Amino acid sequence: MFDWLNADNIVELTGEYRSLGPLIGLILPFLEAFLPFLPLFAFVIANASAYGLWIGFLLSWVGTVMGSYVVFSIVRKYGRARLLGFITKYERVQKLIHWVETHGFGPLFLLLCFPFTPSALVNLVAGLSNMKKKNYLWTLLAGKFVMIFTISFIGHDIKELLTKPIHTGIVLLVIMLLWLVGKQIERRLNMRVEANYRLAQKERQEGKGPTV
């Protein structure tokens, strides 16, 4: 059933993808920021395999940063309006907004470094927060740089990846480790978000109490 899925056919598909031109390599990561169900991981590997490590990396990096920043800007402008205002009613979103506003660059940078982080949620929360646009752009540039380059480096030689079992095993192990570490960091951040939000709520309630 999958006889066609061999190294030569994959290389041929890569050549056909490259023939579409570099614009497609920019557009697909850009669209993923709006449609998070699209496979960014696959787009980055396709770009690195078709255009080489560095050009493929640049196409993916620029595309995903542009898309993420446009989403952030749209949410920043319309997030409090009636059209999107319902989003801020969710307690989880409120917690994340509070976390971003009190901690800024560091946590977002860490989350954006890992390929399995829900970056659409990060863009949304950052847009709803009071984080400065310039600061978020720098966060995107740095975090996406690490993430996109890691994926590009893993997948830039697709033929070697498919024909050398040891190399494939190492790559799969690295991907698994990235997933595990990313989830661990996400879990720890969620716990801190919860604790900080509860503390802020408690302090706000005490501040509203009667004064002597």
Protein backbone atom coordinates (compact mmCIF):
# COMPACT_ATOMS: atom_id res chain seq x y z
CA MET A 1 0.00 0.00 0.00
CA PHE A 2 2.86 2.36 0.83
CA ASP A 3 5.37 1.06 -1.73
CA TRP A 4 5.68 4.54 -3.17
CA LEU A 5 6.93 5.84 0.19
CA ASN A 6 10.65 5.34 -0.41
CA ALA A 7 13.66 7.65 -0.48
CA ASP A 8 13.70 8.18 -4.24
CA ASN A 9 10.01 9.06 -4.42
CA ILE A 10 10.29 11.39 -1.44
CA VAL A 11 13.23 13.16 -3.09
CA GLU A 12 11.15 13.47 -6.27
CA LEU A 13 8.27 14.97 -4.29
CA THR A 14 10.72 17.38 -2.70
CA GLY A 15 11.82 18.47 -6.18
CA GLU A 16 8.21 19.07 -7.18
CA TYR A 17 7.65 21.10 -4.03
CA ARG A 18 10.75 23.18 -4.80
CA SER A 19 9.44 23.84 -8.31
CA LEU A 20 6.48 25.70 -6.82
CA GLY A 21 8.92 28.41 -5.78
CA PRO A 22 10.03 29.82 -2.42
CA LEU A 23 6.82 31.83 -1.99
CA ILE A 24 4.91 28.66 -1.09
CA GLY A 25 7.58 27.93 1.54
CA LEU A 26 6.81 31.31 3.10
CA ILE A 27 3.02 31.17 2.80
CA LEU A 28 2.44 27.77 4.41
CA PRO A 29 4.11 28.61 7.77
CA PHE A 30 2.35 32.00 7.64
CA LEU A 31 -1.06 30.33 7.25
CA GLU A 32 -0.37 27.92 10.11
CA ALA A 33 -0.52 30.84 12.54
CA PHE A 34 -4.16 31.37 11.50
CA LEU A 35 -5.00 27.67 11.06
CA PRO A 36 -3.14 25.86 13.88
CA PHE A 37 -4.37 22.44 12.76
CA LEU A 38 -1.99 22.72 9.80
CA PRO A 39 1.26 20.74 10.30
CA LEU A 40 3.96 23.37 10.86
CA PHE A 41 6.47 20.61 11.61
CA ALA A 42 5.91 19.13 8.13
CA PHE A 43 6.14 22.53 6.42
CA VAL A 44 9.47 23.30 8.08
CA ILE A 45 10.93 19.93 7.12
CA ALA A 46 9.64 20.32 3.55
CA ASN A 47 11.29 23.75 3.26
CA ALA A 48 14.60 22.56 4.70
CA SER A 49 14.63 19.51 2.44
CA ALA A 50 13.62 21.41 -0.71
CA TYR A 51 15.68 24.59 -0.34
CA GLY A 52 18.53 23.50 1.92
CA LEU A 53 19.06 24.05 5.61
CA TRP A 54 19.62 27.81 5.64
CA ILE A 55 17.22 29.05 2.96
CA GLY A 56 14.57 26.59 4.10
CA PHE A 57 15.04 27.73 7.68
CA LEU A 58 14.75 31.41 6.73
CA LEU A 59 11.56 30.82 4.74
CA SER A 60 9.94 28.94 7.61
CA TRP A 61 11.17 31.35 10.29
CA VAL A 62 10.09 34.51 8.48
CA GLY A 63 6.74 32.97 7.51
CA THR A 64 5.80 31.77 10.98
CA VAL A 65 6.99 34.97 12.71
CA MET A 66 5.01 37.12 10.27
CA GLY A 67 1.89 35.00 10.70
CA SER A 68 2.16 34.92 14.49
CA TYR A 69 2.71 38.66 14.73
CA VAL A 70 -0.25 39.41 12.44
CA VAL A 71 -2.48 37.21 14.64
CA PHE A 72 -1.10 38.96 17.73
CA SER A 73 -1.80 42.38 16.18
CA ILE A 74 -5.37 41.46 15.18
CA VAL A 75 -6.11 40.15 18.68
CA ARG A 76 -4.49 43.24 20.21
CA LYS A 77 -6.75 45.52 18.15
CA TYR A 78 -10.04 43.61 18.29
CA GLY A 79 -9.61 41.27 21.28
CA ARG A 80 -11.53 43.50 23.67
CA ALA A 81 -14.25 44.28 21.15
CA ARG A 82 -17.59 42.48 21.06
CA LEU A 83 -16.41 40.23 18.23
CA LEU A 84 -13.67 38.56 20.29
CA GLY A 85 -14.43 39.83 23.77
CA PHE A 86 -16.01 36.53 24.85
CA ILE A 87 -12.53 34.95 24.85
CA THR A 88 -11.44 36.91 27.91
CA LYS A 89 -14.30 35.42 29.94
CA TYR A 90 -12.54 32.05 30.11
CA GLU A 91 -10.70 31.65 33.41
CA ARG A 92 -7.74 29.86 31.81
CA VAL A 93 -7.22 32.78 29.43
CA GLN A 94 -7.44 35.25 32.32
CA LYS A 95 -4.79 33.29 34.21
CA LEU A 96 -2.45 33.23 31.23
CA ILE A 97 -2.94 36.94 30.59
CA HIS A 98 -2.03 37.68 34.20
CA TRP A 99 1.06 35.46 33.89
CA VAL A 100 2.25 37.15 30.70
CA GLU A 101 1.76 40.61 32.17
CA THR A 102 3.72 39.77 35.33
CA HIS A 103 6.52 37.64 33.82
CA GLY A 104 6.86 38.81 30.19
CA PHE A 105 9.64 37.54 27.95
CA GLY A 106 11.04 34.47 29.73
CA PRO A 107 8.07 32.06 29.88
CA LEU A 108 6.86 32.95 26.38
CA PHE A 109 10.35 32.48 24.95
CA LEU A 110 10.59 29.01 26.52
CA LEU A 111 7.16 27.99 25.23
CA LEU A 112 7.90 29.20 21.70
CA CYS A 113 11.19 27.27 21.61
CA PHE A 114 9.40 23.92 21.59
CA PRO A 115 7.64 22.65 18.44
CA PHE A 116 4.64 21.12 20.21
CA THR A 117 3.61 24.22 22.16
CA PRO A 118 0.13 25.57 21.21
CA SER A 119 1.58 28.74 19.71
CA ALA A 120 -1.90 29.91 18.61
CA LEU A 121 -2.84 30.17 22.29
CA VAL A 122 0.40 32.04 23.03
CA ASN A 123 -0.36 34.56 20.26
CA LEU A 124 -3.90 34.99 21.54
CA VAL A 125 -2.94 35.52 25.16
CA ALA A 126 -0.08 37.87 24.32
CA GLY A 127 -2.44 39.92 22.16
CA LEU A 128 -4.96 40.21 25.00
CA SER A 129 -2.28 41.15 27.52
CA ASN A 130 -0.63 44.53 28.04
CA MET A 131 2.72 43.27 26.73
CA LYS A 132 4.36 45.81 24.43
CA LYS A 133 4.25 44.99 20.72
CA LYS A 134 8.00 45.45 20.35
CA ASN A 135 8.69 43.07 23.24
CA TYR A 136 6.47 40.39 21.79
CA LEU A 137 8.09 40.72 18.37
CA TRP A 138 11.51 40.12 19.93
CA THR A 139 10.10 37.17 21.85
CA LEU A 140 8.71 35.68 18.64
CA LEU A 141 11.95 36.22 16.73
CA ALA A 142 14.03 34.53 19.43
CA GLY A 143 11.71 31.68 20.35
CA LYS A 144 10.75 30.78 16.78
CA PHE A 145 14.43 30.97 15.76
CA VAL A 146 15.31 28.17 18.17
CA MET A 147 12.27 26.07 17.30
CA ILE A 148 12.41 26.44 13.50
CA PHE A 149 16.17 25.90 13.30
CA THR A 150 15.91 22.73 15.40
CA ILE A 151 13.26 21.25 13.10
CA SER A 152 15.10 22.40 9.97
CA PHE A 153 18.33 20.80 11.16
CA ILE A 154 16.53 17.54 11.88
CA GLY A 155 14.80 17.34 8.50
CA HIS A 156 17.07 19.07 5.99
CA ASP A 157 18.40 15.77 4.55
CA ILE A 158 15.23 13.74 4.09
CA LYS A 159 16.93 11.02 2.04
CA GLU A 160 19.46 10.29 4.79
CA LEU A 161 16.65 10.37 7.30
CA LEU A 162 14.78 7.65 5.39
CA THR A 163 17.71 5.41 4.45
CA LYS A 164 19.79 5.30 7.64
CA PRO A 165 17.96 3.59 10.52
CA ILE A 166 20.42 4.79 13.17
CA HIS A 167 20.07 8.38 12.03
CA THR A 168 16.29 8.00 11.95
CA GLY A 169 16.28 6.55 15.46
CA ILE A 170 18.36 9.44 16.80
CA VAL A 171 16.02 11.97 15.18
CA LEU A 172 12.95 10.25 16.62
CA LEU A 173 14.60 10.22 20.03
CA VAL A 174 15.36 13.94 19.79
CA ILE A 175 11.77 14.66 18.78
CA MET A 176 10.46 12.62 21.70
CA LEU A 177 12.79 14.43 24.10
CA LEU A 178 11.67 17.80 22.74
CA TRP A 179 8.07 16.79 23.25
CA LEU A 180 8.67 15.54 26.80
CA VAL A 181 10.74 18.56 27.86
CA GLY A 182 8.25 20.95 26.26
CA LYS A 183 5.32 19.31 28.03
CA GLN A 184 7.21 19.33 31.34
CA ILE A 185 7.94 23.05 31.01
CA GLU A 186 4.35 23.71 29.97
CA ARG A 187 3.07 21.76 33.00
CA ARG A 188 5.34 23.64 35.41
CA LEU A 189 4.35 26.99 33.92
CA ASN A 190 0.67 26.05 34.20
CA MET A 191 1.17 25.29 37.91
CA ARG A 192 2.89 28.65 38.43
CA VAL A 193 0.18 30.41 36.44
CA GLU A 194 -2.46 28.86 38.70
CA ALA A 195 -0.59 29.78 41.89
CA ASN A 196 0.11 33.35 40.81
CA TYR A 197 -3.43 33.91 39.62
CA ARG A 198 -4.94 32.63 42.87
CA LEU A 199 -2.56 34.84 44.86
CA ALA A 200 -3.49 37.88 42.77
CA GLN A 201 -7.19 37.14 43.22
CA LYS A 202 -6.75 36.80 46.97
CA GLU A 203 -4.80 40.07 47.22
CA ARG A 204 -7.44 41.83 45.10
CA GLN A 205 -10.24 40.56 47.34
CA GLU A 206 -8.39 41.57 50.50
CA GLY A 207 -7.77 44.98 48.99
CA LYS A 208 -11.53 45.42 48.56
CA GLY A 209 -12.20 44.59 52.19
CA PRO A 210 -13.12 47.21 54.82
CA THR A 211 -10.35 49.41 56.11
CA VAL A 212 -9.91 50.22 59.80
